[in-house]
Amino acid sequence: MRSEISFASGATLKLLDWNMSKKKGLSLEEKRSRMMEIFFETKDVFQLKDMEKIAPKSKGISKANITAKEAVSRWTDNVFAIKSWAKKKFGFENSNLDKAFGIPEDFDYMN
């Protein structure tokens, strides 16, 4: 199960509901709520690497609950690969592909 937190800049922070132990952990909604509390309490913006440090300490959300940057990059690679294949194979324009599949204009790799 996935959930995400969207930012005004268009970036999203994706949370995964991983069950890595037999012990029942936080529900996905609890994780999302706690992540949002960090932003509301601090009224600040954080990079993913900073959230990975802050979330476990302040809200008890383990690092395993935050999607790894490598996984995000892999999915982004896949989207670009499929777009490239469809463009070559069928002659579709990027804008038509983006519109058909709901890909935002500012879709790109995370920094």
PDB file of N, CA and C in Angstrom:
ATOM      1  N   MET A   1       0.838  -1.173   0.000  1.00  0.00           N
ATOM      2  CA  MET A   1       0.000   0.000   0.000  1.00  0.00           C
ATOM      3  C   MET A   1       0.883   1.235   0.000  1.00  0.00           C
ATOM      4  N   ARG A   2       0.550   2.204  -0.802  1.00  0.00           N
ATOM      5  CA  ARG A   2       1.367   3.403  -0.879  1.00  0.00           C
ATOM      6  C   ARG A   2       0.546   4.619  -0.501  1.00  0.00           C
ATOM      7  N   SER A   3       1.238   5.603   0.019  1.00  0.00           N
ATOM      8  CA  SER A   3       0.639   6.901   0.285  1.00  0.00           C
ATOM      9  C   SER A   3       1.714   7.919  -0.016  1.00  0.00           C
ATOM     10  N   GLU A   4       1.296   9.126  -0.251  1.00  0.00           N
ATOM     11  CA  GLU A   4       2.289  10.142  -0.549  1.00  0.00           C
ATOM     12  C   GLU A   4       1.870  11.475   0.020  1.00  0.00           C
ATOM     13  N   ILE A   5       2.891  12.308   0.257  1.00  0.00           N
ATOM     14  CA  ILE A   5       2.689  13.665   0.715  1.00  0.00           C
ATOM     15  C   ILE A   5       3.172  14.561  -0.405  1.00  0.00           C
ATOM     16  N   SER A   6       2.300  15.423  -0.915  1.00  0.00           N
ATOM     17  CA  SER A   6       2.650  16.305  -2.022  1.00  0.00           C
ATOM     18  C   SER A   6       3.014  17.684  -1.488  1.00  0.00           C
ATOM     19  N   PHE A   7       3.953  18.324  -2.162  1.00  0.00           N
ATOM     20  CA  PHE A   7       4.412  19.647  -1.778  1.00  0.00           C
ATOM     21  C   PHE A   7       4.074  20.642  -2.874  1.00  0.00           C
ATOM     22  N   ALA A   8       4.040  21.919  -2.530  1.00  0.00           N
ATOM     23  CA  ALA A   8       3.709  22.968  -3.490  1.00  0.00           C
ATOM     24  C   ALA A   8       4.677  22.965  -4.671  1.00  0.00           C
ATOM     25  N   SER A   9       5.903  22.549  -4.448  1.00  0.00           N
ATOM     26  CA  SER A   9       6.902  22.519  -5.516  1.00  0.00           C
ATOM     27  C   SER A   9       6.612  21.416  -6.533  1.00  0.00           C
ATOM     28  N   GLY A  10       5.667  20.535  -6.213  1.00  0.00           N
ATOM     29  CA  GLY A  10       5.362  19.425  -7.097  1.00  0.00           C
ATOM     30  C   GLY A  10       6.042  18.141  -6.672  1.00  0.00           C
ATOM     31  N   ALA A  11       6.984  18.224  -5.741  1.00  0.00           N
ATOM     32  CA  ALA A  11       7.663  17.028  -5.257  1.00  0.00           C
ATOM     33  C   ALA A  11       6.720  16.242  -4.350  1.00  0.00           C
ATOM     34  N   THR A  12       6.931  14.947  -4.314  1.00  0.00           N
ATOM     35  CA  THR A  12       6.133  14.114  -3.427  1.00  0.00           C
ATOM     36  C   THR A  12       7.047  13.220  -2.615  1.00  0.00           C
ATOM     37  N   LEU A  13       6.638  12.973  -1.399  1.00  0.00           N
ATOM     38  CA  LEU A  13       7.347  12.048  -0.525  1.00  0.00           C
ATOM     39  C   LEU A  13       6.445  10.839  -0.390  1.00  0.00           C
ATOM     40  N   LYS A  14       6.900   9.699  -0.854  1.00  0.00           N
ATOM     41  CA  LYS A  14       6.074   8.498  -0.845  1.00  0.00           C
ATOM     42  C   LYS A  14       6.395   7.657   0.378  1.00  0.00           C
ATOM     43  N   LEU A  15       5.343   7.172   1.011  1.00  0.00           N
ATOM     44  CA  LEU A  15       5.479   6.318   2.180  1.00  0.00           C
ATOM     45  C   LEU A  15       5.013   4.920   1.813  1.00  0.00           C
ATOM     46  N   LEU A  16       5.742   3.922   2.241  1.00  0.00           N
ATOM     47  CA  LEU A  16       5.340   2.550   1.981  1.00  0.00           C
ATOM     48  C   LEU A  16       4.846   1.905   3.266  1.00  0.00           C
ATOM     49  N   ASP A  17       3.897   1.016   3.140  1.00  0.00           N
ATOM     50  CA  ASP A  17       3.394   0.264   4.270  1.00  0.00           C
ATOM     51  C   ASP A  17       4.097  -1.085   4.275  1.00  0.00           C
ATOM     52  N   TRP A  18       5.334  -1.107   4.741  1.00  0.00           N
ATOM     53  CA  TRP A  18       6.105  -2.336   4.772  1.00  0.00           C
ATOM     54  C   TRP A  18       5.902  -3.026   6.100  1.00  0.00           C
ATOM     55  N   ASN A  19       5.667  -4.310   6.069  1.00  0.00           N
ATOM     56  CA  ASN A  19       5.538  -5.092   7.279  1.00  0.00           C
ATOM     57  C   ASN A  19       6.830  -5.877   7.432  1.00  0.00           C
ATOM     58  N   MET A  20       7.830  -5.288   8.046  1.00  0.00           N
ATOM     59  CA  MET A  20       9.153  -5.875   8.100  1.00  0.00           C
ATOM     60  C   MET A  20       9.352  -6.764   9.330  1.00  0.00           C
ATOM     61  N   SER A  21       8.429  -6.726  10.272  1.00  0.00           N
ATOM     62  CA  SER A  21       8.546  -7.582  11.443  1.00  0.00           C
ATOM     63  C   SER A  21       7.181  -8.171  11.754  1.00  0.00           C
ATOM     64  N   LYS A  22       7.158  -9.145  12.656  1.00  0.00           N
ATOM     65  CA  LYS A  22       5.897  -9.771  13.033  1.00  0.00           C
ATOM     66  C   LYS A  22       5.114  -8.864  13.959  1.00  0.00           C
ATOM     67  N   LYS A  23       5.769  -7.925  14.588  1.00  0.00           N
ATOM     68  CA  LYS A  23       5.121  -7.000  15.500  1.00  0.00           C
ATOM     69  C   LYS A  23       4.316  -5.982  14.699  1.00  0.00           C
ATOM     70  N   LYS A  24       3.090  -5.717  15.130  1.00  0.00           N
ATOM     71  CA  LYS A  24       2.233  -4.770  14.418  1.00  0.00           C
ATOM     72  C   LYS A  24       2.783  -3.362  14.638  1.00  0.00           C
ATOM     73  N   GLY A  25       3.022  -2.671  13.539  1.00  0.00           N
ATOM     74  CA  GLY A  25       3.551  -1.314  13.610  1.00  0.00           C
ATOM     75  C   GLY A  25       2.454  -0.287  13.389  1.00  0.00           C
ATOM     76  N   LEU A  26       2.865   0.884  12.976  1.00  0.00           N
ATOM     77  CA  LEU A  26       1.924   1.959  12.693  1.00  0.00           C
ATOM     78  C   LEU A  26       1.170   1.677  11.406  1.00  0.00           C
ATOM     79  N   SER A  27      -0.075   2.081  11.373  1.00  0.00           N
ATOM     80  CA  SER A  27      -0.827   1.952  10.120  1.00  0.00           C
ATOM     81  C   SER A  27      -0.317   3.005   9.151  1.00  0.00           C
ATOM     82  N   LEU A  28      -0.636   2.828   7.896  1.00  0.00           N
ATOM     83  CA  LEU A  28      -0.213   3.771   6.880  1.00  0.00           C
ATOM     84  C   LEU A  28      -0.745   5.169   7.183  1.00  0.00           C
ATOM     85  N   GLU A  29      -1.988   5.248   7.614  1.00  0.00           N
ATOM     86  CA  GLU A  29      -2.582   6.549   7.939  1.00  0.00           C
ATOM     87  C   GLU A  29      -1.878   7.195   9.135  1.00  0.00           C
ATOM     88  N   GLU A  30      -1.476   6.388  10.136  1.00  0.00           N
ATOM     89  CA  GLU A  30      -0.746   6.924  11.284  1.00  0.00           C
ATOM     90  C   GLU A  30       0.613   7.468  10.854  1.00  0.00           C
ATOM     91  N   LYS A  31       1.289   6.746   9.961  1.00  0.00           N
ATOM     92  CA  LYS A  31       2.589   7.200   9.458  1.00  0.00           C
ATOM     93  C   LYS A  31       2.436   8.526   8.719  1.00  0.00           C
ATOM     94  N   ARG A  32       1.428   8.576   7.855  1.00  0.00           N
ATOM     95  CA  ARG A  32       1.171   9.803   7.086  1.00  0.00           C
ATOM     96  C   ARG A  32       0.875  10.966   8.023  1.00  0.00           C
ATOM     97  N   SER A  33       0.041  10.713   9.007  1.00  0.00           N
ATOM     98  CA  SER A  33      -0.334  11.750   9.964  1.00  0.00           C
ATOM     99  C   SER A  33       0.894  12.256  10.734  1.00  0.00           C
ATOM    100  N   ARG A  34       1.733  11.349  11.171  1.00  0.00           N
ATOM    101  CA  ARG A  34       2.936  11.751  11.913  1.00  0.00           C
ATOM    102  C   ARG A  34       3.914  12.524  11.030  1.00  0.00           C
ATOM    103  N   MET A  35       4.039  12.110   9.766  1.00  0.00           N
ATOM    104  CA  MET A  35       4.918  12.849   8.848  1.00  0.00           C
ATOM    105  C   MET A  35       4.394  14.272   8.655  1.00  0.00           C
ATOM    106  N   MET A  36       3.093  14.404   8.499  1.00  0.00           N
ATOM    107  CA  MET A  36       2.504  15.729   8.313  1.00  0.00           C
ATOM    108  C   MET A  36       2.685  16.584   9.560  1.00  0.00           C
ATOM    109  N   GLU A  37       2.628  15.972  10.735  1.00  0.00           N
ATOM    110  CA  GLU A  37       2.849  16.712  11.981  1.00  0.00           C
ATOM    111  C   GLU A  37       4.215  17.377  11.982  1.00  0.00           C
ATOM    112  N   ILE A  38       5.215  16.697  11.464  1.00  0.00           N
ATOM    113  CA  ILE A  38       6.569  17.267  11.419  1.00  0.00           C
ATOM    114  C   ILE A  38       6.553  18.577  10.632  1.00  0.00           C
ATOM    115  N   PHE A  39       5.884  18.570   9.478  1.00  0.00           N
ATOM    116  CA  PHE A  39       5.837  19.774   8.648  1.00  0.00           C
ATOM    117  C   PHE A  39       5.033  20.883   9.306  1.00  0.00           C
ATOM    118  N   PHE A  40       3.903  20.525   9.910  1.00  0.00           N
ATOM    119  CA  PHE A  40       3.061  21.540  10.550  1.00  0.00           C
ATOM    120  C   PHE A  40       3.715  22.127  11.797  1.00  0.00           C
ATOM    121  N   GLU A  41       4.378  21.288  12.569  1.00  0.00           N
ATOM    122  CA  GLU A  41       5.024  21.764  13.797  1.00  0.00           C
ATOM    123  C   GLU A  41       6.227  22.650  13.513  1.00  0.00           C
ATOM    124  N   THR A  42       7.018  22.279  12.519  1.00  0.00           N
ATOM    125  CA  THR A  42       8.242  23.040  12.235  1.00  0.00           C
ATOM    126  C   THR A  42       8.028  24.161  11.235  1.00  0.00           C
ATOM    127  N   LYS A  43       6.947  24.057  10.450  1.00  0.00           N
ATOM    128  CA  LYS A  43       6.679  25.024   9.369  1.00  0.00           C
ATOM    129  C   LYS A  43       7.911  25.196   8.489  1.00  0.00           C
ATOM    130  N   ASP A  44       8.516  24.042   8.128  1.00  0.00           N
ATOM    131  CA  ASP A  44       9.744  24.054   7.345  1.00  0.00           C
ATOM    132  C   ASP A  44       9.648  23.002   6.248  1.00  0.00           C
ATOM    133  N   VAL A  45      10.567  23.072   5.297  1.00  0.00           N
ATOM    134  CA  VAL A  45      10.652  22.113   4.200  1.00  0.00           C
ATOM    135  C   VAL A  45      11.929  21.307   4.409  1.00  0.00           C
ATOM    136  N   PHE A  46      11.848  20.002   4.134  1.00  0.00           N
ATOM    137  CA  PHE A  46      12.990  19.128   4.354  1.00  0.00           C
ATOM    138  C   PHE A  46      13.299  18.329   3.104  1.00  0.00           C
ATOM    139  N   GLN A  47      14.575  18.004   2.928  1.00  0.00           N
ATOM    140  CA  GLN A  47      14.961  17.073   1.889  1.00  0.00           C
ATOM    141  C   GLN A  47      14.751  15.671   2.431  1.00  0.00           C
ATOM    142  N   LEU A  48      14.660  14.702   1.524  1.00  0.00           N
ATOM    143  CA  LEU A  48      14.401  13.326   1.923  1.00  0.00           C
ATOM    144  C   LEU A  48      15.420  12.835   2.944  1.00  0.00           C
ATOM    145  N   LYS A  49      16.698  13.122   2.718  1.00  0.00           N
ATOM    146  CA  LYS A  49      17.732  12.639   3.642  1.00  0.00           C
ATOM    147  C   LYS A  49      17.542  13.229   5.037  1.00  0.00           C
ATOM    148  N   ASP A  50      17.042  14.468   5.122  1.00  0.00           N
ATOM    149  CA  ASP A  50      16.777  15.073   6.427  1.00  0.00           C
ATOM    150  C   ASP A  50      15.573  14.421   7.097  1.00  0.00           C
ATOM    151  N   MET A  51      14.535  14.116   6.302  1.00  0.00           N
ATOM    152  CA  MET A  51      13.350  13.460   6.857  1.00  0.00           C
ATOM    153  C   MET A  51      13.695  12.074   7.392  1.00  0.00           C
ATOM    154  N   GLU A  52      14.629  11.386   6.729  1.00  0.00           N
ATOM    155  CA  GLU A  52      15.034  10.063   7.193  1.00  0.00           C
ATOM    156  C   GLU A  52      15.690  10.135   8.571  1.00  0.00           C
ATOM    157  N   LYS A  53      16.297  11.275   8.904  1.00  0.00           N
ATOM    158  CA  LYS A  53      16.914  11.459  10.213  1.00  0.00           C
ATOM    159  C   LYS A  53      15.899  11.952  11.239  1.00  0.00           C
ATOM    160  N   ILE A  54      15.017  12.858  10.831  1.00  0.00           N
ATOM    161  CA  ILE A  54      14.078  13.495  11.750  1.00  0.00           C
ATOM    162  C   ILE A  54      12.932  12.572  12.141  1.00  0.00           C
ATOM    163  N   ALA A  55      12.342  11.877  11.171  1.00  0.00           N
ATOM    164  CA  ALA A  55      11.136  11.071  11.420  1.00  0.00           C
ATOM    165  C   ALA A  55      11.320  10.009  12.507  1.00  0.00           C
ATOM    166  N   PRO A  56      12.405   9.227  12.499  1.00  0.00           N
ATOM    167  CA  PRO A  56      12.538   8.219  13.552  1.00  0.00           C
ATOM    168  C   PRO A  56      12.691   8.818  14.945  1.00  0.00           C
ATOM    169  N   LYS A  57      13.407   9.927  15.026  1.00  0.00           N
ATOM    170  CA  LYS A  57      13.661  10.543  16.334  1.00  0.00           C
ATOM    171  C   LYS A  57      12.425  11.225  16.902  1.00  0.00           C
ATOM    172  N   SER A  58      11.731  11.993  16.072  1.00  0.00           N
ATOM    173  CA  SER A  58      10.636  12.799  16.607  1.00  0.00           C
ATOM    174  C   SER A  58       9.275  12.123  16.562  1.00  0.00           C
ATOM    175  N   LYS A  59       9.070  11.181  15.642  1.00  0.00           N
ATOM    176  CA  LYS A  59       7.737  10.594  15.488  1.00  0.00           C
ATOM    177  C   LYS A  59       7.719   9.072  15.507  1.00  0.00           C
ATOM    178  N   GLY A  60       8.866   8.438  15.663  1.00  0.00           N
ATOM    179  CA  GLY A  60       8.903   6.985  15.744  1.00  0.00           C
ATOM    180  C   GLY A  60       8.632   6.272  14.430  1.00  0.00           C
ATOM    181  N   ILE A  61       8.879   6.933  13.317  1.00  0.00           N
ATOM    182  CA  ILE A  61       8.703   6.313  12.005  1.00  0.00           C
ATOM    183  C   ILE A  61      10.074   5.844  11.554  1.00  0.00           C
ATOM    184  N   SER A  62      10.233   4.542  11.345  1.00  0.00           N
ATOM    185  CA  SER A  62      11.548   4.015  11.013  1.00  0.00           C
ATOM    186  C   SER A  62      11.945   4.374   9.588  1.00  0.00           C
ATOM    187  N   LYS A  63      13.232   4.348   9.346  1.00  0.00           N
ATOM    188  CA  LYS A  63      13.776   4.680   8.031  1.00  0.00           C
ATOM    189  C   LYS A  63      13.219   3.759   6.950  1.00  0.00           C
ATOM    190  N   ALA A  64      12.898   2.533   7.310  1.00  0.00           N
ATOM    191  CA  ALA A  64      12.357   1.574   6.344  1.00  0.00           C
ATOM    192  C   ALA A  64      10.987   1.996   5.831  1.00  0.00           C
ATOM    193  N   ASN A  65      10.316   2.887   6.547  1.00  0.00           N
ATOM    194  CA  ASN A  65       8.987   3.324   6.127  1.00  0.00           C
ATOM    195  C   ASN A  65       9.037   4.423   5.070  1.00  0.00           C
ATOM    196  N   ILE A  66      10.186   5.000   4.860  1.00  0.00           N
ATOM    197  CA  ILE A  66      10.324   6.066   3.881  1.00  0.00           C
ATOM    198  C   ILE A  66      10.956   5.474   2.626  1.00  0.00           C
ATOM    199  N   THR A  67      10.330   5.687   1.488  1.00  0.00           N
ATOM    200  CA  THR A  67      10.812   5.100   0.243  1.00  0.00           C
ATOM    201  C   THR A  67      12.236   5.538  -0.032  1.00  0.00           C
ATOM    202  N   ALA A  68      13.062   4.584  -0.425  1.00  0.00           N
ATOM    203  CA  ALA A  68      14.456   4.876  -0.737  1.00  0.00           C
ATOM    204  C   ALA A  68      14.543   5.661  -2.034  1.00  0.00           C
ATOM    205  N   LYS A  69      15.502   6.565  -2.075  1.00  0.00           N
ATOM    206  CA  LYS A  69      15.696   7.373  -3.273  1.00  0.00           C
ATOM    207  C   LYS A  69      15.973   6.500  -4.496  1.00  0.00           C
ATOM    208  N   GLU A  70      16.647   5.377  -4.280  1.00  0.00           N
ATOM    209  CA  GLU A  70      16.940   4.478  -5.387  1.00  0.00           C
ATOM    210  C   GLU A  70      15.664   3.913  -6.004  1.00  0.00           C
ATOM    211  N   ALA A  71      14.684   3.598  -5.179  1.00  0.00           N
ATOM    212  CA  ALA A  71      13.419   3.058  -5.690  1.00  0.00           C
ATOM    213  C   ALA A  71      12.677   4.111  -6.504  1.00  0.00           C
ATOM    214  N   VAL A  72      12.699   5.344  -6.033  1.00  0.00           N
ATOM    215  CA  VAL A  72      12.044   6.431  -6.764  1.00  0.00           C
ATOM    216  C   VAL A  72      12.729   6.634  -8.110  1.00  0.00           C
ATOM    217  N   SER A  73      14.059   6.600  -8.101  1.00  0.00           N
ATOM    218  CA  SER A  73      14.806   6.768  -9.348  1.00  0.00           C
ATOM    219  C   SER A  73      14.533   5.626 -10.318  1.00  0.00           C
ATOM    220  N   ARG A  74      14.397   4.408  -9.790  1.00  0.00           N
ATOM    221  CA  ARG A  74      14.116   3.254 -10.635  1.00  0.00           C
ATOM    222  C   ARG A  74      12.761   3.417 -11.328  1.00  0.00           C
ATOM    223  N   TRP A  75      11.745   3.851 -10.582  1.00  0.00           N
ATOM    224  CA  TRP A  75      10.423   4.077 -11.173  1.00  0.00           C
ATOM    225  C   TRP A  75      10.480   5.196 -12.203  1.00  0.00           C
ATOM    226  N   THR A  76      11.239   6.236 -11.913  1.00  0.00           N
ATOM    227  CA  THR A  76      11.375   7.349 -12.852  1.00  0.00           C
ATOM    228  C   THR A  76      12.061   6.868 -14.126  1.00  0.00           C
ATOM    229  N   ASP A  77      13.115   6.052 -13.966  1.00  0.00           N
ATOM    230  CA  ASP A  77      13.776   5.449 -15.131  1.00  0.00           C
ATOM    231  C   ASP A  77      12.778   4.676 -15.982  1.00  0.00           C
ATOM    232  N   ASN A  78      11.930   3.903 -15.310  1.00  0.00           N
ATOM    233  CA  ASN A  78      10.948   3.090 -16.031  1.00  0.00           C
ATOM    234  C   ASN A  78       9.969   3.958 -16.815  1.00  0.00           C
ATOM    235  N   VAL A  79       9.513   5.036 -16.217  1.00  0.00           N
ATOM    236  CA  VAL A  79       8.573   5.932 -16.905  1.00  0.00           C
ATOM    237  C   VAL A  79       9.230   6.531 -18.144  1.00  0.00           C
ATOM    238  N   PHE A  80      10.456   7.015 -17.998  1.00  0.00           N
ATOM    239  CA  PHE A  80      11.151   7.605 -19.139  1.00  0.00           C
ATOM    240  C   PHE A  80      11.443   6.562 -20.223  1.00  0.00           C
ATOM    241  N   ALA A  81      11.772   5.335 -19.810  1.00  0.00           N
ATOM    242  CA  ALA A  81      12.037   4.267 -20.781  1.00  0.00           C
ATOM    243  C   ALA A  81      10.775   3.928 -21.577  1.00  0.00           C
ATOM    244  N   ILE A  82       9.646   3.835 -20.901  1.00  0.00           N
ATOM    245  CA  ILE A  82       8.391   3.521 -21.580  1.00  0.00           C
ATOM    246  C   ILE A  82       7.990   4.660 -22.515  1.00  0.00           C
ATOM    247  N   LYS A  83       8.166   5.902 -22.057  1.00  0.00           N
ATOM    248  CA  LYS A  83       7.853   7.048 -22.918  1.00  0.00           C
ATOM    249  C   LYS A  83       8.725   7.026 -24.173  1.00  0.00           C
ATOM    250  N   SER A  84      10.013   6.736 -24.009  1.00  0.00           N
ATOM    251  CA  SER A  84      10.931   6.691 -25.145  1.00  0.00           C
ATOM    252  C   SER A  84      10.530   5.584 -26.113  1.00  0.00           C
ATOM    253  N   TRP A  85      10.197   4.404 -25.580  1.00  0.00           N
ATOM    254  CA  TRP A  85       9.781   3.288 -26.419  1.00  0.00           C
ATOM    255  C   TRP A  85       8.505   3.625 -27.197  1.00  0.00           C
ATOM    256  N   ALA A  86       7.512   4.194 -26.508  1.00  0.00           N
ATOM    257  CA  ALA A  86       6.243   4.534 -27.171  1.00  0.00           C
ATOM    258  C   ALA A  86       6.451   5.603 -28.240  1.00  0.00           C
ATOM    259  N   LYS A  87       7.353   6.531 -27.970  1.00  0.00           N
ATOM    260  CA  LYS A  87       7.635   7.597 -28.942  1.00  0.00           C
ATOM    261  C   LYS A  87       8.272   7.003 -30.205  1.00  0.00           C
ATOM    262  N   LYS A  88       9.243   6.101 -30.016  1.00  0.00           N
ATOM    263  CA  LYS A  88       9.914   5.479 -31.164  1.00  0.00           C
ATOM    264  C   LYS A  88       9.000   4.504 -31.901  1.00  0.00           C
ATOM    265  N   LYS A  89       8.276   3.703 -31.149  1.00  0.00           N
ATOM    266  CA  LYS A  89       7.442   2.643 -31.730  1.00  0.00           C
ATOM    267  C   LYS A  89       6.199   3.190 -32.430  1.00  0.00           C
ATOM    268  N   PHE A  90       5.551   4.179 -31.826  1.00  0.00           N
ATOM    269  CA  PHE A  90       4.278   4.655 -32.342  1.00  0.00           C
ATOM    270  C   PHE A  90       4.295   6.114 -32.806  1.00  0.00           C
ATOM    271  N   GLY A  91       5.408   6.797 -32.581  1.00  0.00           N
ATOM    272  CA  GLY A  91       5.517   8.191 -33.009  1.00  0.00           C
ATOM    273  C   GLY A  91       4.721   9.168 -32.157  1.00  0.00           C
ATOM    274  N   PHE A  92       4.401   8.778 -30.923  1.00  0.00           N
ATOM    275  CA  PHE A  92       3.660   9.677 -30.037  1.00  0.00           C
ATOM    276  C   PHE A  92       4.542  10.826 -29.579  1.00  0.00           C
ATOM    277  N   GLU A  93       3.944  11.971 -29.382  1.00  0.00           N
ATOM    278  CA  GLU A  93       4.647  13.119 -28.815  1.00  0.00           C
ATOM    279  C   GLU A  93       4.642  13.001 -27.292  1.00  0.00           C
ATOM    280  N   ASN A  94       5.680  13.546 -26.664  1.00  0.00           N
ATOM    281  CA  ASN A  94       5.766  13.491 -25.203  1.00  0.00           C
ATOM    282  C   ASN A  94       4.540  14.099 -24.539  1.00  0.00           C
ATOM    283  N   SER A  95       4.069  15.224 -25.048  1.00  0.00           N
ATOM    284  CA  SER A  95       2.928  15.893 -24.423  1.00  0.00           C
ATOM    285  C   SER A  95       1.679  15.021 -24.473  1.00  0.00           C
ATOM    286  N   ASN A  96       1.487  14.281 -25.576  1.00  0.00           N
ATOM    287  CA  ASN A  96       0.334  13.379 -25.676  1.00  0.00           C
ATOM    288  C   ASN A  96       0.454  12.207 -24.702  1.00  0.00           C
ATOM    289  N   LEU A  97       1.660  11.655 -24.579  1.00  0.00           N
ATOM    290  CA  LEU A  97       1.882  10.572 -23.624  1.00  0.00           C
ATOM    291  C   LEU A  97       1.648  11.049 -22.196  1.00  0.00           C
ATOM    292  N   ASP A  98       2.191  12.220 -21.875  1.00  0.00           N
ATOM    293  CA  ASP A  98       2.020  12.766 -20.531  1.00  0.00           C
ATOM    294  C   ASP A  98       0.546  12.957 -20.198  1.00  0.00           C
ATOM    295  N   LYS A  99      -0.186  13.499 -21.137  1.00  0.00           N
ATOM    296  CA  LYS A  99      -1.608  13.752 -20.917  1.00  0.00           C
ATOM    297  C   LYS A  99      -2.375  12.437 -20.778  1.00  0.00           C
ATOM    298  N   ALA A 100      -2.101  11.471 -21.649  1.00  0.00           N
ATOM    299  CA  ALA A 100      -2.812  10.194 -21.638  1.00  0.00           C
ATOM    300  C   ALA A 100      -2.582   9.412 -20.349  1.00  0.00           C
ATOM    301  N   PHE A 101      -1.384   9.518 -19.795  1.00  0.00           N
ATOM    302  CA  PHE A 101      -1.051   8.731 -18.603  1.00  0.00           C
ATOM    303  C   PHE A 101      -0.984   9.567 -17.330  1.00  0.00           C
ATOM    304  N   GLY A 102      -1.372  10.834 -17.415  1.00  0.00           N
ATOM    305  CA  GLY A 102      -1.415  11.674 -16.221  1.00  0.00           C
ATOM    306  C   GLY A 102      -0.054  11.989 -15.633  1.00  0.00           C
ATOM    307  N   ILE A 103       0.946  12.094 -16.492  1.00  0.00           N
ATOM    308  CA  ILE A 103       2.297  12.416 -16.029  1.00  0.00           C
ATOM    309  C   ILE A 103       2.415  13.938 -15.948  1.00  0.00           C
ATOM    310  N   PRO A 104       2.746  14.484 -14.770  1.00  0.00           N
ATOM    311  CA  PRO A 104       2.839  15.939 -14.629  1.00  0.00           C
ATOM    312  C   PRO A 104       3.942  16.535 -15.502  1.00  0.00           C
ATOM    313  N   GLU A 105       3.777  17.785 -15.884  1.00  0.00           N
ATOM    314  CA  GLU A 105       4.767  18.472 -16.733  1.00  0.00           C
ATOM    315  C   GLU A 105       6.133  18.540 -16.080  1.00  0.00           C
ATOM    316  N   ASP A 106       6.162  18.673 -14.743  1.00  0.00           N
ATOM    317  CA  ASP A 106       7.450  18.819 -14.040  1.00  0.00           C
ATOM    318  C   ASP A 106       8.009  17.485 -13.533  1.00  0.00           C
ATOM    319  N   PHE A 107       7.524  16.367 -14.099  1.00  0.00           N
ATOM    320  CA  PHE A 107       7.996  15.046 -13.699  1.00  0.00           C
ATOM    321  C   PHE A 107       9.484  14.933 -14.010  1.00  0.00           C
ATOM    322  N   ASP A 108      10.276  14.584 -13.003  1.00  0.00           N
ATOM    323  CA  ASP A 108      11.714  14.457 -13.182  1.00  0.00           C
ATOM    324  C   ASP A 108      12.294  13.683 -12.007  1.00  0.00           C
ATOM    325  N   TYR A 109      13.585  13.449 -12.043  1.00  0.00           N
ATOM    326  CA  TYR A 109      14.274  12.758 -10.967  1.00  0.00           C
ATOM    327  C   TYR A 109      14.325  13.607  -9.710  1.00  0.00           C
ATOM    328  N   MET A 110      14.384  12.943  -8.553  1.00  0.00           N
ATOM    329  CA  MET A 110      14.560  13.653  -7.272  1.00  0.00           C
ATOM    330  C   MET A 110      16.014  14.071  -7.146  1.00  0.00           C
ATOM    331  N   ASN A 111      16.249  15.192  -6.536  1.00  0.00           N
ATOM    332  CA  ASN A 111      17.626  15.634  -6.268  1.00  0.00           C
ATOM    333  C   ASN A 111      18.073  15.203  -4.911  1.00  0.00           C
TER     334      ASN A 111
END
